[in-house]
Amino acid sequence: MTEYEQLGGASVSGDSREVPVPQQAVNMELVKSGGEVYWGVRETDGAVVASQLYDPLEDDPDVRFLTSTAVPDDSRQLRVPDAVFDHWDDVYGGGTAVVGGDRLEFWTTDELAENEQLLVLPEWQVEDVTGEE
C-alpha cells in the first residue's frame, strides 16, 4: 500500500482561485517561487497531480495532462486553473465541488516527491485517495 504524507492544507480564495502552498511543500521544493506548475489527473482515482516537471506527467500512462500555471516570484500562492475546478466538478458528480473558502489538502509520496510532484485534493476526496480521514 502506498504511504501518503500530508504536507498541509489551506483555503482557496474565491476571487483569485489561489491557495497558499504549505511551507513543508516549499521546503521539499515541490513548488518553487517563480516556477511553473503542471497539472494532471490520475486516471485510477481522479486525484489531481501538481508537478514542477512536465516529462514525468507526460510519460506516466496513468496521468492525463490538463494545463500549467506560473508561480509568482517571491510567492507561495498557487493559482488553481479552471480545468482543475472543472475536473473536481466532474468527479463530484455535478454541481460545484470546490468554491472559495473550501480547503485543499496537499499530499505526496516518496515516488511523487522524487518527480517533484504532489497531490492537491479537496477535503471530500482525501479519504478516497489516501485512505486517511
Protein backbone atom coordinates (compact mmCIF):
# COMPACT_ATOMS: atom_id res chain seq x y z
CA MET A 1 0.00 0.00 0.00
CA THR A 2 1.20 3.49 -0.84
CA GLU A 3 2.19 5.62 2.12
CA TYR A 4 0.96 9.18 1.78
CA GLU A 5 2.49 12.14 3.61
CA GLN A 6 0.27 15.10 4.42
CA LEU A 7 2.02 18.39 3.75
CA GLY A 8 -0.73 20.69 4.98
CA GLY A 9 -3.71 22.50 3.58
CA ALA A 10 -5.32 25.88 3.13
CA SER A 11 -8.50 27.50 1.91
CA VAL A 12 -8.78 28.50 -1.71
CA SER A 13 -9.63 32.14 -2.45
CA GLY A 14 -12.96 32.59 -4.18
CA ASP A 15 -11.77 35.71 -6.00
CA SER A 16 -8.28 34.80 -7.22
CA ARG A 17 -8.65 30.99 -7.10
CA GLU A 18 -5.28 30.93 -5.36
CA VAL A 19 -4.24 28.79 -2.43
CA PRO A 20 -1.16 29.26 -0.26
CA VAL A 21 1.23 26.34 -0.65
CA PRO A 22 2.09 24.73 2.71
CA GLN A 23 5.60 25.56 3.94
CA GLN A 24 6.52 21.87 4.05
CA ALA A 25 5.88 21.56 0.28
CA VAL A 26 8.07 24.63 -0.29
CA ASN A 27 10.80 23.21 1.97
CA MET A 28 10.72 19.94 -0.01
CA GLU A 29 11.00 22.07 -3.19
CA LEU A 30 7.80 20.59 -4.64
CA VAL A 31 6.65 24.12 -5.50
CA LYS A 32 9.12 26.93 -6.14
CA SER A 33 8.55 30.67 -6.44
CA GLY A 34 8.94 31.85 -9.98
CA GLY A 35 8.44 28.35 -11.37
CA GLU A 36 5.86 26.60 -13.50
CA VAL A 37 3.38 24.06 -12.17
CA TYR A 38 1.99 21.41 -14.48
CA TRP A 39 -1.40 19.93 -13.61
CA GLY A 40 -2.60 16.44 -14.41
CA VAL A 41 -5.18 13.88 -13.30
CA ARG A 42 -4.53 10.29 -12.29
CA GLU A 43 -6.95 8.09 -14.20
CA THR A 44 -7.07 5.43 -11.45
CA ASP A 45 -8.54 7.61 -8.70
CA GLY A 46 -9.18 11.05 -10.20
CA ALA A 47 -6.57 12.71 -7.97
CA VAL A 48 -5.08 15.97 -9.21
CA VAL A 49 -1.29 15.91 -9.52
CA ALA A 50 0.72 19.14 -9.50
CA SER A 51 4.30 18.94 -10.70
CA GLN A 52 7.24 21.20 -11.41
CA LEU A 53 8.37 18.73 -14.07
CA TYR A 54 6.38 18.18 -17.25
CA ASP A 55 8.06 14.99 -18.50
CA PRO A 56 7.08 12.67 -15.61
CA LEU A 57 3.43 13.65 -16.11
CA GLU A 58 3.67 13.21 -19.87
CA ASP A 59 5.48 9.87 -19.55
CA ASP A 60 3.05 8.38 -16.99
CA PRO A 61 0.35 6.41 -18.82
CA ASP A 62 -1.91 6.77 -15.76
CA VAL A 63 -1.83 10.60 -15.82
CA ARG A 64 -3.75 12.88 -18.17
CA PHE A 65 -2.17 16.33 -18.56
CA LEU A 66 -4.56 19.27 -18.00
CA THR A 67 -2.73 22.59 -18.06
CA SER A 68 0.02 24.65 -16.43
CA THR A 69 0.26 27.78 -14.31
CA ALA A 70 3.08 30.05 -13.19
CA VAL A 71 4.03 30.63 -9.57
CA PRO A 72 4.77 34.32 -8.99
CA ASP A 73 8.26 35.30 -7.82
CA ASP A 74 8.59 35.55 -4.04
CA SER A 75 5.19 33.95 -3.53
CA ARG A 76 3.73 30.79 -2.10
CA GLN A 77 0.41 31.44 -3.82
CA LEU A 78 -0.61 28.80 -6.32
CA ARG A 79 -3.39 29.64 -8.78
CA VAL A 80 -5.64 26.64 -9.37
CA PRO A 81 -6.65 26.62 -13.05
CA ASP A 82 -10.24 26.38 -14.28
CA ALA A 83 -9.52 22.95 -15.82
CA VAL A 84 -8.81 21.59 -12.32
CA PHE A 85 -12.01 23.05 -10.87
CA ASP A 86 -13.93 21.54 -13.84
CA HIS A 87 -12.33 18.15 -13.16
CA TRP A 88 -13.35 18.28 -9.49
CA ASP A 89 -16.92 19.13 -10.54
CA ASP A 90 -16.95 16.03 -12.78
CA VAL A 91 -15.54 13.75 -10.05
CA TYR A 92 -18.01 15.17 -7.53
CA GLY A 93 -20.86 14.19 -9.83
CA GLY A 94 -22.21 17.59 -10.77
CA GLY A 95 -22.66 20.96 -9.17
CA THR A 96 -19.75 22.98 -7.89
CA ALA A 97 -17.34 20.75 -5.99
CA VAL A 98 -14.90 23.40 -4.74
CA VAL A 99 -15.72 27.04 -4.03
CA GLY A 100 -13.90 29.92 -2.36
CA GLY A 101 -13.25 29.15 1.29
CA ASP A 102 -13.10 25.37 0.73
CA ARG A 103 -9.97 23.69 2.00
CA LEU A 104 -7.50 21.99 -0.32
CA GLU A 105 -5.08 19.44 1.11
CA PHE A 106 -1.56 18.80 -0.18
CA TRP A 107 -0.15 15.27 -0.07
CA THR A 108 2.83 13.42 -1.52
CA THR A 109 4.51 10.02 -1.51
CA ASP A 110 8.18 9.12 -1.84
CA GLU A 111 7.63 8.28 -5.52
CA LEU A 112 5.74 11.51 -6.22
CA ALA A 113 8.33 13.62 -4.36
CA GLU A 114 11.16 12.07 -6.42
CA ASN A 115 9.47 13.55 -9.51
CA GLU A 116 8.74 16.89 -7.77
CA GLN A 117 5.02 16.08 -7.62
CA LEU A 118 2.29 16.43 -5.07
CA LEU A 119 -1.44 15.80 -4.90
CA VAL A 120 -3.87 18.68 -4.46
CA LEU A 121 -7.11 17.29 -3.06
CA PRO A 122 -10.36 18.84 -1.89
CA GLU A 123 -11.23 17.70 1.64
CA TRP A 124 -14.05 15.49 0.35
CA GLN A 125 -11.59 13.48 -1.78
CA VAL A 126 -8.81 12.90 0.77
CA GLU A 127 -10.12 9.67 2.31
CA ASP A 128 -10.90 8.06 -1.06
CA VAL A 129 -7.42 8.78 -2.42
CA THR A 130 -5.15 8.44 0.63
CA GLY A 131 -7.19 6.27 2.99
CA GLU A 132 -6.72 8.95 5.68
CA GLU A 133 -9.57 10.83 7.33
